[in-house]
Protein backbone atom coordinates (compact mmCIF):
# COMPACT_ATOMS: atom_id res chain seq x y z
CA MET A 1 79.32 96.98 137.62
CA SER A 2 77.93 99.34 135.02
CA LYS A 3 78.57 98.93 131.33
CA LYS A 4 80.52 102.18 131.24
CA GLU A 5 82.87 100.98 133.99
CA GLU A 6 83.34 97.61 132.35
CA TYR A 7 84.21 99.10 128.95
CA PRO A 8 86.06 102.38 129.59
CA GLU A 9 86.26 104.80 126.69
CA ASN A 10 89.54 104.78 124.74
CA VAL A 11 90.26 101.25 125.94
CA PHE A 12 87.24 99.65 124.28
CA VAL A 13 84.94 100.85 121.51
CA SER A 14 81.17 100.92 121.28
CA LEU A 15 78.94 100.73 118.23
CA GLN A 16 77.68 104.24 119.03
CA HIS A 17 81.24 105.60 118.99
CA LEU A 18 82.03 103.90 115.68
CA LEU A 19 78.86 105.28 114.09
CA LYS A 20 80.00 108.79 115.03
CA GLN A 21 83.03 108.31 112.78
CA GLU A 22 80.74 108.89 109.81
CA HIS A 23 81.03 112.61 110.47
CA THR A 24 84.82 112.39 110.38
CA ALA A 25 84.66 110.47 107.10
CA GLN A 26 82.70 113.30 105.49
CA SER A 27 85.20 115.99 106.44
CA PHE A 28 88.12 114.94 104.29
CA ALA A 29 89.20 116.59 101.05
CA LEU A 30 90.58 113.46 99.46
CA LEU A 31 92.44 112.57 96.32
CA SER A 32 90.83 113.18 92.97
CA ARG A 33 89.57 110.07 91.22
CA LYS A 34 91.98 110.64 88.35
CA HIS A 35 95.03 109.96 90.53
CA LYS A 36 96.36 106.46 90.10
CA VAL A 37 97.33 105.88 93.72
CA ASN A 38 96.39 103.39 96.37
CA SER A 39 94.23 105.46 98.71
CA ILE A 40 92.12 103.83 101.37
CA LEU A 41 89.31 106.32 101.16
CA SER A 42 89.22 107.61 97.60
CA GLY A 43 86.04 105.87 96.44
CA LYS A 44 85.93 105.04 92.72
CA HIS A 45 89.38 104.69 91.27
CA ALA A 46 90.77 105.37 87.82
CA SER A 47 91.66 102.04 86.26
CA LYS A 48 93.03 100.68 83.03
CA LEU A 49 90.58 97.81 83.36
CA ARG A 50 87.29 97.69 81.51
CA GLY A 51 84.74 99.76 83.36
CA ARG A 52 81.43 101.61 83.39
CA GLY A 53 82.51 104.91 81.83
CA LEU A 54 85.30 107.36 81.10
CA ASP A 55 87.10 109.61 83.55
CA PHE A 56 88.97 112.64 82.13
CA GLU A 57 92.63 112.59 83.10
CA GLU A 58 94.64 115.22 81.20
CA VAL A 59 95.32 117.18 78.01
CA ARG A 60 98.58 116.40 76.21
CA ASN A 61 100.22 116.88 72.82
CA TYR A 62 98.63 114.90 70.01
CA VAL A 63 100.68 111.96 68.77
CA LYS A 64 100.15 109.88 65.67
CA GLY A 65 97.56 107.19 66.34
CA ASP A 66 95.47 109.17 68.85
CA ASP A 67 91.73 109.23 68.24
CA ILE A 68 91.02 112.50 66.40
CA ARG A 69 87.62 112.61 68.12
CA ASN A 70 89.44 113.43 71.37
CA ILE A 71 91.28 116.48 70.02
CA ASP A 72 90.79 119.47 72.34
CA TRP A 73 90.19 122.25 69.80
CA LYS A 74 90.18 125.07 72.35
CA VAL A 75 93.63 124.18 73.67
CA THR A 76 94.84 123.53 70.11
CA ALA A 77 93.70 127.00 69.01
CA ARG A 78 95.25 128.68 72.03
CA THR A 79 98.64 126.97 71.78
CA GLN A 80 98.79 126.53 67.99
CA LYS A 81 99.73 122.91 68.61
CA THR A 82 97.39 119.96 68.37
CA HIS A 83 96.33 118.63 71.78
CA THR A 84 94.18 115.65 72.70
CA ARG A 85 92.12 114.86 75.76
CA VAL A 86 93.16 111.66 77.57
CA TYR A 87 90.66 109.49 79.40
CA THR A 88 90.91 106.47 81.64
CA GLU A 89 88.13 103.99 82.11
CA GLU A 90 86.31 104.32 85.41
CA LYS A 91 85.50 101.11 87.21
CA GLU A 92 83.75 100.49 90.48
CA LYS A 93 86.25 99.33 93.06
CA PRO A 94 84.77 97.12 95.80
CA VAL A 95 86.59 97.61 99.10
CA LEU A 96 87.40 95.05 101.79
CA ILE A 97 88.65 96.39 105.13
CA VAL A 98 90.60 93.89 107.24
CA VAL A 99 91.01 95.02 110.85
CA ASP A 100 93.11 93.47 113.61
CA GLN A 101 91.54 93.11 117.07
CA SER A 102 94.06 90.67 118.51
CA LYS A 103 95.85 90.82 121.87
CA SER A 104 98.88 92.81 120.69
CA MET A 105 96.44 95.59 119.70
CA PHE A 106 95.15 95.75 123.28
CA PHE A 107 97.81 98.24 124.33
CA GLY A 108 98.00 102.01 124.63
CA SER A 109 100.21 104.22 126.78
CA VAL A 110 98.86 107.71 126.00
CA LEU A 111 95.41 108.36 124.59
CA LYS A 112 93.86 105.16 123.22
CA THR A 113 94.65 101.52 122.66
CA LYS A 114 95.81 100.39 119.24
CA ALA A 115 92.64 98.32 118.95
CA VAL A 116 90.45 101.42 119.38
CA VAL A 117 92.42 103.39 116.78
CA ALA A 118 92.20 100.49 114.33
CA ALA A 119 88.44 100.25 114.90
CA GLU A 120 87.98 104.00 114.33
CA LEU A 121 90.02 103.92 111.14
CA ALA A 122 88.02 100.96 109.84
CA ALA A 123 84.76 102.82 110.50
CA ILE A 124 85.99 106.00 108.80
CA ALA A 125 87.16 104.05 105.76
CA ALA A 126 83.87 102.14 105.51
CA PHE A 127 81.72 105.27 105.67
CA ARG A 128 83.89 107.12 103.17
CA VAL A 129 83.70 104.28 100.65
CA PHE A 130 79.93 104.05 101.13
CA LYS A 131 79.58 107.79 100.57
CA GLU A 132 81.41 107.46 97.27
CA GLY A 133 78.94 104.77 96.19
CA ASP A 134 81.18 101.72 96.15
CA ARG A 135 80.55 98.36 97.80
CA VAL A 136 82.31 97.86 101.11
CA GLY A 137 82.73 94.91 103.44
CA GLY A 138 85.11 93.82 106.14
CA VAL A 139 86.96 91.09 107.98
CA VAL A 140 87.57 91.41 111.72
CA PHE A 141 90.13 88.99 113.13
CA ALA A 142 91.16 88.34 116.69
CA ASP A 143 93.24 85.73 118.48
CA GLU A 144 90.47 83.17 118.57
CA GLY A 145 88.52 83.66 115.36
CA PHE A 146 87.36 86.06 112.70
CA ASP A 147 84.17 87.45 111.16
CA VAL A 148 83.47 88.17 107.49
CA VAL A 149 81.02 90.69 106.03
CA ALA A 150 80.91 90.49 102.23
CA PRO A 151 81.10 93.82 100.35
CA LYS A 152 77.72 95.40 99.63
CA ARG A 153 76.45 98.86 98.86
CA SER A 154 74.42 98.97 102.06
CA ARG A 155 74.45 101.00 105.25
CA LYS A 156 73.09 97.98 107.13
CA ASN A 157 76.13 96.06 105.91
CA ILE A 158 78.46 98.65 107.44
CA ILE A 159 76.61 98.50 110.76
CA HIS A 160 76.98 94.71 110.77
CA PHE A 161 80.72 95.13 110.17
CA LEU A 162 81.00 97.65 113.01
CA GLU A 163 79.05 95.35 115.35
CA ASN A 164 81.61 92.64 114.65
CA ILE A 165 84.41 95.06 115.49
CA GLU A 166 82.71 96.00 118.75
CA ASN A 167 82.21 92.35 119.75
CA ARG A 168 85.80 91.34 118.96
CA ASN A 169 87.14 94.46 120.65
CA ARG A 170 85.27 93.85 123.88
CA ALA A 171 86.37 90.22 123.92
CA LEU A 172 89.98 91.37 124.19
CA LYS A 173 89.83 91.51 127.98
CA ASP A 174 89.42 87.72 128.11
CA SER A 175 91.01 86.54 124.87
CA LYS A 176 94.07 84.28 124.69
CA ALA A 177 96.92 85.05 122.32
CA GLU A 178 98.03 81.45 121.78
CA ALA A 179 95.70 80.83 118.81
CA TYR A 180 96.70 83.98 116.92
CA GLU A 181 98.96 82.39 114.33
CA GLU A 182 96.39 79.72 113.51
CA THR A 183 93.70 82.38 113.07
CA LEU A 184 95.88 84.58 110.90
CA ASN A 185 96.80 81.65 108.68
CA ALA A 186 93.08 81.05 108.15
CA VAL A 187 92.16 84.71 107.58
CA ILE A 188 94.48 85.47 104.65
CA PRO A 189 93.25 82.62 102.39
CA ARG A 190 89.68 83.66 103.18
CA VAL A 191 90.44 87.22 102.13
CA ARG A 192 92.02 85.96 98.92
CA ASN A 193 88.86 83.99 98.16
CA ILE A 194 86.77 87.15 98.48
CA VAL A 195 88.98 89.57 96.56
CA THR A 196 89.47 87.68 93.33
CA HIS A 197 90.58 90.76 91.35
CA ASP A 198 90.07 94.52 91.03
CA TYR A 199 89.35 95.11 94.73
CA LEU A 200 90.86 97.62 97.11
CA VAL A 201 92.00 95.82 100.26
CA VAL A 202 92.86 97.80 103.40
CA ILE A 203 94.63 95.95 106.22
CA ILE A 204 94.76 97.75 109.58
CA SER A 205 97.09 96.18 112.14
CA ASP A 206 100.26 96.68 114.15
CA PHE A 207 101.91 93.98 111.99
CA LEU A 208 103.95 92.75 114.94
CA ARG A 209 103.38 89.03 114.54
CA TYR A 210 103.34 88.49 110.80
CA SER A 211 105.44 85.55 109.60
CA PRO A 212 107.24 85.52 106.21
CA THR A 213 104.57 83.10 104.99
CA VAL A 214 101.77 85.53 105.85
CA ILE A 215 103.65 88.46 104.29
CA LYS A 216 104.04 86.46 101.10
CA ALA A 217 100.32 85.70 101.13
CA ILE A 218 99.54 89.40 101.59
CA ALA A 219 101.77 90.19 98.64
CA GLY A 220 99.79 87.63 96.64
CA ILE A 221 96.62 89.64 97.27
CA SER A 222 98.26 92.69 95.67
CA MET A 223 98.92 90.89 92.38
CA HIS A 224 95.37 91.43 91.11
CA ASN A 225 94.09 94.01 93.59
CA ASP A 226 95.03 97.36 95.08
CA LEU A 227 96.34 96.93 98.60
CA ILE A 228 97.25 99.41 101.30
CA LEU A 229 98.44 98.82 104.85
CA ALA A 230 97.76 101.03 107.87
CA LYS A 231 100.21 100.33 110.69
CA VAL A 232 99.02 101.30 114.18
CA THR A 233 101.73 102.12 116.70
CA ASP A 234 102.03 103.36 120.27
CA PRO A 235 104.74 105.81 121.43
CA MET A 236 105.96 103.40 124.10
CA GLU A 237 106.83 100.89 121.37
CA TYR A 238 109.54 103.17 120.00
CA ALA A 239 110.33 105.55 122.88
CA MET A 240 110.93 103.90 126.25
CA PRO A 241 109.86 106.01 129.27
CA ASN A 242 112.77 107.65 131.09
CA THR A 243 111.98 105.90 134.35
CA LYS A 244 111.77 102.47 135.94
CA PHE A 245 108.59 100.58 135.10
CA VAL A 246 107.10 97.10 135.25
CA ALA A 247 106.50 95.29 131.94
CA SER A 248 104.40 92.17 131.85
CA ASN A 249 102.60 89.70 129.65
CA GLN A 250 100.07 87.10 130.70
CA THR A 251 102.65 85.00 132.54
CA HIS A 252 105.72 87.09 133.48
CA GLN A 253 106.69 90.49 134.91
CA ILE A 254 110.02 92.29 134.78
CA VAL A 255 111.30 95.65 136.04
CA VAL A 256 112.82 97.74 133.25
CA ASP A 257 115.15 100.67 133.91
CA GLY A 258 114.21 103.22 131.26
CA LYS A 259 117.10 105.46 132.32
CA ASN A 260 119.64 102.87 131.24
CA LYS A 261 120.97 104.19 127.90
CA LYS A 262 122.14 100.78 126.71
CA ILE A 263 118.72 99.24 127.30
CA LYS A 264 116.95 102.25 125.78
CA ASP A 265 119.11 102.25 122.63
CA ALA A 266 118.63 98.51 122.15
CA PHE A 267 114.87 98.95 122.57
CA ILE A 268 114.70 101.70 119.93
CA GLN A 269 116.95 99.82 117.51
CA GLY A 270 114.81 96.72 117.87
CA PHE A 271 111.62 98.60 117.01
CA GLU A 272 113.14 100.52 114.12
CA GLY A 273 114.78 97.40 112.75
CA ASP A 274 111.50 95.48 112.75
CA PHE A 275 109.56 98.36 111.22
CA TYR A 276 112.04 99.18 108.46
CA ALA A 277 112.43 95.51 107.60
CA PHE A 278 108.66 95.20 107.24
CA GLN A 279 108.41 98.44 105.27
CA SER A 280 111.24 97.36 103.00
CA GLU A 281 109.56 94.02 102.38
CA MET A 282 106.34 95.77 101.38
CA LYS A 283 108.23 98.07 99.00
CA LYS A 284 109.44 95.02 97.11
CA TYR A 285 105.81 94.36 96.21
CA GLN A 286 104.97 98.07 95.74
CA ILE A 287 102.51 97.93 98.66
CA PRO A 288 102.06 101.35 100.31
CA ILE A 289 102.00 101.60 104.09
CA PHE A 290 101.26 104.54 106.35
CA ASN A 291 101.35 104.97 110.14
CA VAL A 292 98.80 106.12 112.66
CA ASP A 293 99.47 106.25 116.38
CA THR A 294 97.53 106.08 119.63
CA ALA A 295 98.67 109.46 120.93
CA THR A 296 97.17 111.90 118.39
CA PRO A 297 93.48 112.29 117.44
CA LEU A 298 92.91 110.18 114.36
CA ASP A 299 91.22 112.88 112.30
CA LEU A 300 94.31 115.10 112.60
CA GLN A 301 96.58 112.26 111.55
CA LEU A 302 94.49 111.41 108.50
CA LYS A 303 94.36 115.02 107.38
CA GLU A 304 98.15 115.09 107.49
CA VAL A 305 98.47 111.75 105.63
CA PHE A 306 96.11 112.73 102.83
CA GLY A 307 97.43 116.26 102.76
CA LYS A 308 100.88 114.88 101.93
CA MET A 309 99.40 112.55 99.32
CA ASN A 310 97.61 115.43 97.64
CA ALA A 311 100.70 117.65 97.83
CA LYS A 312 102.72 115.03 95.94
CA LYS A 313 100.15 115.11 93.18
């Protein structure tokens, strides 16, 4: 059997495909550095922490106690009111991208599997951060283990990260889901050891099997770091097909009647309930979350996501 037949496109990823995402990463008009917002691809971030230099933020009315050296004389002359220039300290923000390649990600009903979309998003994020000059690394976790690439300002480092994604992705066809919880419980403490403070952490997953303990640990990461979650979904998870179909896992199969309104409504309510509960929990910790799906080209989805972010600013 040829390699192409064994690893069909859109079901599995290849290193070559992930490297092509560099072009997509270069095509985005992203948020300005002055915006204080958790953005997965915004490069250097404005920060109140001590940093390497100053980043201009705005001009506002002068108030008693402002440094007179920052008075903007041109604006003052034009408005006849004293204005001062406001700066924030710019600090390098190392980025750690955590990407899920476990069995629940090995599903897709339309265009791609969730695992492929997650891999593409991780590659785009890594290349964008690298382009902005920040250090970037990654953690790839699966059902039966995980790989860690420490953040560096190195293209070779990104390639190593993408190789790990490819390896874990291709192992999905034979992996066993039973060890997932044990792996996840080991991954989060490892991430916390890496991102001591002032990191940007991006977690890309479907977040279907996260226990309250793990969610609490994720929230702990956000205490001293910026954190953003990218939730990958498939249309069939929230919109049951209007037909009879066979659903199965590794041990059982059942026939589901998608035309049955009672079953369909319960299915939709179950998905929405789980998602909104998770989203609500993240809001408690002020952790932003956005969705990407398996049915729409990822570049189009990201343009819409960041377009909305920019519009709000």
